[in-house]
Amino acid sequence: MKYDVDKLGYYEIYDNIIDAIAREKQIKAGSRKKKIALIESVNNDWNDLYFDMI
């Protein structure tokens, strides 16, 4: 794997793929600081959310 990612720290669910892609682009365009703040706003302890999602 390129980034060796093994935990899910944040996710959003959308019914519409166009909205999901637009949101992904919005998040990717933000600074690292904003991305960390977004994760910590819902997952302050940086737990693996994979099993919560499925």
PDB file of N, CA and C in Angstrom:
ATOM      1  N   MET A   1       0.832  -1.188   0.000  1.00  0.00           N
ATOM      2  CA  MET A   1       0.000   0.000   0.000  1.00  0.00           C
ATOM      3  C   MET A   1       0.874   1.247   0.000  1.00  0.00           C
ATOM      4  N   LYS A   2       0.403   2.246  -0.664  1.00  0.00           N
ATOM      5  CA  LYS A   2       1.172   3.477  -0.769  1.00  0.00           C
ATOM      6  C   LYS A   2       1.240   4.221   0.566  1.00  0.00           C
ATOM      7  N   TYR A   3       0.112   4.322   1.268  1.00  0.00           N
ATOM      8  CA  TYR A   3       0.070   5.120   2.494  1.00  0.00           C
ATOM      9  C   TYR A   3       0.004   4.280   3.765  1.00  0.00           C
ATOM     10  N   ASP A   4      -0.119   2.973   3.652  1.00  0.00           N
ATOM     11  CA  ASP A   4      -0.162   2.074   4.800  1.00  0.00           C
ATOM     12  C   ASP A   4      -1.265   2.458   5.793  1.00  0.00           C
ATOM     13  N   VAL A   5      -2.438   2.765   5.271  1.00  0.00           N
ATOM     14  CA  VAL A   5      -3.582   3.144   6.095  1.00  0.00           C
ATOM     15  C   VAL A   5      -4.263   1.881   6.608  1.00  0.00           C
ATOM     16  N   ASP A   6      -4.534   1.840   7.918  1.00  0.00           N
ATOM     17  CA  ASP A   6      -5.194   0.669   8.476  1.00  0.00           C
ATOM     18  C   ASP A   6      -6.321   1.012   9.450  1.00  0.00           C
ATOM     19  N   LYS A   7      -6.696   2.301   9.547  1.00  0.00           N
ATOM     20  CA  LYS A   7      -7.776   2.715  10.432  1.00  0.00           C
ATOM     21  C   LYS A   7      -8.664   3.737   9.724  1.00  0.00           C
ATOM     22  N   LEU A   8      -9.947   3.698  10.058  1.00  0.00           N
ATOM     23  CA  LEU A   8     -10.911   4.667   9.546  1.00  0.00           C
ATOM     24  C   LEU A   8     -11.162   5.678  10.654  1.00  0.00           C
ATOM     25  N   GLY A   9     -10.784   6.928  10.428  1.00  0.00           N
ATOM     26  CA  GLY A   9     -10.917   7.957  11.452  1.00  0.00           C
ATOM     27  C   GLY A   9     -12.103   8.870  11.264  1.00  0.00           C
ATOM     28  N   TYR A  10     -12.634   8.918  10.031  1.00  0.00           N
ATOM     29  CA  TYR A  10     -13.731   9.842   9.736  1.00  0.00           C
ATOM     30  C   TYR A  10     -14.447   9.360   8.488  1.00  0.00           C
ATOM     31  N   TYR A  11     -15.753   9.525   8.454  1.00  0.00           N
ATOM     32  CA  TYR A  11     -16.514   9.228   7.243  1.00  0.00           C
ATOM     33  C   TYR A  11     -17.823   9.996   7.255  1.00  0.00           C
ATOM     34  N   GLU A  12     -18.364  10.198   6.087  1.00  0.00           N
ATOM     35  CA  GLU A  12     -19.672  10.812   5.900  1.00  0.00           C
ATOM     36  C   GLU A  12     -20.450   9.927   4.942  1.00  0.00           C
ATOM     37  N   ILE A  13     -21.749   9.842   5.137  1.00  0.00           N
ATOM     38  CA  ILE A  13     -22.610   9.025   4.284  1.00  0.00           C
ATOM     39  C   ILE A  13     -23.498   9.934   3.443  1.00  0.00           C
ATOM     40  N   TYR A  14     -23.563   9.636   2.155  1.00  0.00           N
ATOM     41  CA  TYR A  14     -24.385  10.403   1.213  1.00  0.00           C
ATOM     42  C   TYR A  14     -25.252   9.461   0.400  1.00  0.00           C
ATOM     43  N   ASP A  15     -26.441   9.917   0.054  1.00  0.00           N
ATOM     44  CA  ASP A  15     -27.331   9.164  -0.825  1.00  0.00           C
ATOM     45  C   ASP A  15     -26.997   9.409  -2.286  1.00  0.00           C
ATOM     46  N   ASN A  16     -26.392  10.547  -2.571  1.00  0.00           N
ATOM     47  CA  ASN A  16     -26.125  10.970  -3.941  1.00  0.00           C
ATOM     48  C   ASN A  16     -24.615  10.984  -4.186  1.00  0.00           C
ATOM     49  N   ILE A  17     -24.145  10.249  -5.177  1.00  0.00           N
ATOM     50  CA  ILE A  17     -22.708  10.154  -5.461  1.00  0.00           C
ATOM     51  C   ILE A  17     -22.103  11.499  -5.862  1.00  0.00           C
ATOM     52  N   ILE A  18     -22.882  12.329  -6.532  1.00  0.00           N
ATOM     53  CA  ILE A  18     -22.389  13.660  -6.942  1.00  0.00           C
ATOM     54  C   ILE A  18     -22.078  14.499  -5.707  1.00  0.00           C
ATOM     55  N   ASP A  19     -22.969  14.469  -4.720  1.00  0.00           N
ATOM     56  CA  ASP A  19     -22.739  15.205  -3.477  1.00  0.00           C
ATOM     57  C   ASP A  19     -21.527  14.658  -2.728  1.00  0.00           C
ATOM     58  N   ALA A  20     -21.373  13.337  -2.722  1.00  0.00           N
ATOM     59  CA  ALA A  20     -20.244  12.708  -2.035  1.00  0.00           C
ATOM     60  C   ALA A  20     -18.918  13.110  -2.679  1.00  0.00           C
ATOM     61  N   ILE A  21     -18.870  13.115  -3.982  1.00  0.00           N
ATOM     62  CA  ILE A  21     -17.641  13.496  -4.694  1.00  0.00           C
ATOM     63  C   ILE A  21     -17.320  14.963  -4.466  1.00  0.00           C
ATOM     64  N   ALA A  22     -18.344  15.811  -4.494  1.00  0.00           N
ATOM     65  CA  ALA A  22     -18.130  17.241  -4.252  1.00  0.00           C
ATOM     66  C   ALA A  22     -17.573  17.467  -2.848  1.00  0.00           C
ATOM     67  N   ARG A  23     -18.112  16.756  -1.864  1.00  0.00           N
ATOM     68  CA  ARG A  23     -17.638  16.895  -0.489  1.00  0.00           C
ATOM     69  C   ARG A  23     -16.210  16.380  -0.347  1.00  0.00           C
ATOM     70  N   GLU A  24     -15.887  15.272  -1.013  1.00  0.00           N
ATOM     71  CA  GLU A  24     -14.531  14.747  -0.971  1.00  0.00           C
ATOM     72  C   GLU A  24     -13.542  15.768  -1.536  1.00  0.00           C
ATOM     73  N   LYS A  25     -13.888  16.399  -2.627  1.00  0.00           N
ATOM     74  CA  LYS A  25     -13.014  17.417  -3.224  1.00  0.00           C
ATOM     75  C   LYS A  25     -12.851  18.603  -2.296  1.00  0.00           C
ATOM     76  N   GLN A  26     -13.940  18.982  -1.618  1.00  0.00           N
ATOM     77  CA  GLN A  26     -13.886  20.099  -0.677  1.00  0.00           C
ATOM     78  C   GLN A  26     -12.934  19.776   0.475  1.00  0.00           C
ATOM     79  N   ILE A  27     -13.039  18.569   1.015  1.00  0.00           N
ATOM     80  CA  ILE A  27     -12.167  18.173   2.120  1.00  0.00           C
ATOM     81  C   ILE A  27     -10.716  18.095   1.661  1.00  0.00           C
ATOM     82  N   LYS A  28     -10.477  17.494   0.503  1.00  0.00           N
ATOM     83  CA  LYS A  28      -9.110  17.358  -0.008  1.00  0.00           C
ATOM     84  C   LYS A  28      -8.448  18.711  -0.257  1.00  0.00           C
ATOM     85  N   ALA A  29      -9.237  19.721  -0.596  1.00  0.00           N
ATOM     86  CA  ALA A  29      -8.693  21.047  -0.879  1.00  0.00           C
ATOM     87  C   ALA A  29      -8.313  21.798   0.395  1.00  0.00           C
ATOM     88  N   GLY A  30      -8.794  21.338   1.530  1.00  0.00           N
ATOM     89  CA  GLY A  30      -8.508  22.019   2.792  1.00  0.00           C
ATOM     90  C   GLY A  30      -7.113  21.723   3.304  1.00  0.00           C
ATOM     91  N   SER A  31      -6.719  22.504   4.271  1.00  0.00           N
ATOM     92  CA  SER A  31      -5.389  22.314   4.879  1.00  0.00           C
ATOM     93  C   SER A  31      -5.405  21.105   5.803  1.00  0.00           C
ATOM     94  N   ARG A  32      -4.233  20.622   6.128  1.00  0.00           N
ATOM     95  CA  ARG A  32      -4.104  19.495   7.055  1.00  0.00           C
ATOM     96  C   ARG A  32      -4.719  19.855   8.408  1.00  0.00           C
ATOM     97  N   LYS A  33      -4.517  21.096   8.829  1.00  0.00           N
ATOM     98  CA  LYS A  33      -5.062  21.567  10.106  1.00  0.00           C
ATOM     99  C   LYS A  33      -6.587  21.472  10.115  1.00  0.00           C
ATOM    100  N   LYS A  34      -7.227  21.854   9.011  1.00  0.00           N
ATOM    101  CA  LYS A  34      -8.685  21.771   8.916  1.00  0.00           C
ATOM    102  C   LYS A  34      -9.157  20.321   8.897  1.00  0.00           C
ATOM    103  N   LYS A  35      -8.409  19.443   8.247  1.00  0.00           N
ATOM    104  CA  LYS A  35      -8.765  18.021   8.200  1.00  0.00           C
ATOM    105  C   LYS A  35      -8.675  17.400   9.594  1.00  0.00           C
ATOM    106  N   ILE A  36      -7.639  17.739  10.323  1.00  0.00           N
ATOM    107  CA  ILE A  36      -7.486  17.227  11.682  1.00  0.00           C
ATOM    108  C   ILE A  36      -8.616  17.741  12.568  1.00  0.00           C
ATOM    109  N   ALA A  37      -8.964  19.013  12.435  1.00  0.00           N
ATOM    110  CA  ALA A  37     -10.064  19.580  13.227  1.00  0.00           C
ATOM    111  C   ALA A  37     -11.379  18.890  12.889  1.00  0.00           C
ATOM    112  N   LEU A  38     -11.597  18.556  11.621  1.00  0.00           N
ATOM    113  CA  LEU A  38     -12.806  17.862  11.204  1.00  0.00           C
ATOM    114  C   LEU A  38     -12.879  16.477  11.846  1.00  0.00           C
ATOM    115  N   ILE A  39     -11.791  15.741  11.812  1.00  0.00           N
ATOM    116  CA  ILE A  39     -11.746  14.416  12.433  1.00  0.00           C
ATOM    117  C   ILE A  39     -11.997  14.531  13.928  1.00  0.00           C
ATOM    118  N   GLU A  40     -11.302  15.444  14.578  1.00  0.00           N
ATOM    119  CA  GLU A  40     -11.424  15.565  16.029  1.00  0.00           C
ATOM    120  C   GLU A  40     -12.784  16.093  16.474  1.00  0.00           C
ATOM    121  N   SER A  41     -13.530  16.717  15.565  1.00  0.00           N
ATOM    122  CA  SER A  41     -14.865  17.205  15.927  1.00  0.00           C
ATOM    123  C   SER A  41     -15.837  16.053  16.170  1.00  0.00           C
ATOM    124  N   VAL A  42     -15.567  14.891  15.565  1.00  0.00           N
ATOM    125  CA  VAL A  42     -16.440  13.728  15.752  1.00  0.00           C
ATOM    126  C   VAL A  42     -15.719  12.527  16.358  1.00  0.00           C
ATOM    127  N   ASN A  43     -14.401  12.542  16.354  1.00  0.00           N
ATOM    128  CA  ASN A  43     -13.620  11.390  16.824  1.00  0.00           C
ATOM    129  C   ASN A  43     -12.373  11.899  17.541  1.00  0.00           C
ATOM    130  N   ASN A  44     -12.592  12.545  18.659  1.00  0.00           N
ATOM    131  CA  ASN A  44     -11.504  13.193  19.391  1.00  0.00           C
ATOM    132  C   ASN A  44     -10.406  12.228  19.820  1.00  0.00           C
ATOM    133  N   ASP A  45     -10.753  10.982  20.071  1.00  0.00           N
ATOM    134  CA  ASP A  45      -9.757   9.999  20.520  1.00  0.00           C
ATOM    135  C   ASP A  45      -9.105   9.246  19.361  1.00  0.00           C
ATOM    136  N   TRP A  46      -9.464   9.561  18.150  1.00  0.00           N
ATOM    137  CA  TRP A  46      -8.921   8.934  16.945  1.00  0.00           C
ATOM    138  C   TRP A  46      -9.114   7.412  16.961  1.00  0.00           C
ATOM    139  N   ASN A  47     -10.312   6.989  17.375  1.00  0.00           N
ATOM    140  CA  ASN A  47     -10.639   5.567  17.362  1.00  0.00           C
ATOM    141  C   ASN A  47     -10.871   5.090  15.932  1.00  0.00           C
ATOM    142  N   ASP A  48     -10.714   3.797  15.712  1.00  0.00           N
ATOM    143  CA  ASP A  48     -11.000   3.195  14.419  1.00  0.00           C
ATOM    144  C   ASP A  48     -12.522   3.066  14.283  1.00  0.00           C
ATOM    145  N   LEU A  49     -13.118   3.743  13.322  1.00  0.00           N
ATOM    146  CA  LEU A  49     -14.571   3.784  13.164  1.00  0.00           C
ATOM    147  C   LEU A  49     -15.113   2.738  12.192  1.00  0.00           C
ATOM    148  N   TYR A  50     -14.264   1.886  11.693  1.00  0.00           N
ATOM    149  CA  TYR A  50     -14.699   0.914  10.692  1.00  0.00           C
ATOM    150  C   TYR A  50     -15.880   0.080  11.167  1.00  0.00           C
ATOM    151  N   PHE A  51     -15.793  -0.461  12.353  1.00  0.00           N
ATOM    152  CA  PHE A  51     -16.849  -1.350  12.842  1.00  0.00           C
ATOM    153  C   PHE A  51     -18.125  -0.593  13.211  1.00  0.00           C
ATOM    154  N   ASP A  52     -18.012   0.701  13.482  1.00  0.00           N
ATOM    155  CA  ASP A  52     -19.198   1.531  13.692  1.00  0.00           C
ATOM    156  C   ASP A  52     -19.943   1.753  12.380  1.00  0.00           C
ATOM    157  N   MET A  53     -19.212   1.784  11.292  1.00  0.00           N
ATOM    158  CA  MET A  53     -19.785   2.079   9.989  1.00  0.00           C
ATOM    159  C   MET A  53     -20.518   0.866   9.403  1.00  0.00           C
ATOM    160  N   ILE A  54     -19.989  -0.345   9.611  1.00  0.00           N
ATOM    161  CA  ILE A  54     -20.595  -1.518   8.956  1.00  0.00           C
ATOM    162  C   ILE A  54     -21.748  -2.090   9.733  1.00  0.00           C
TER     163      ILE A  54
END
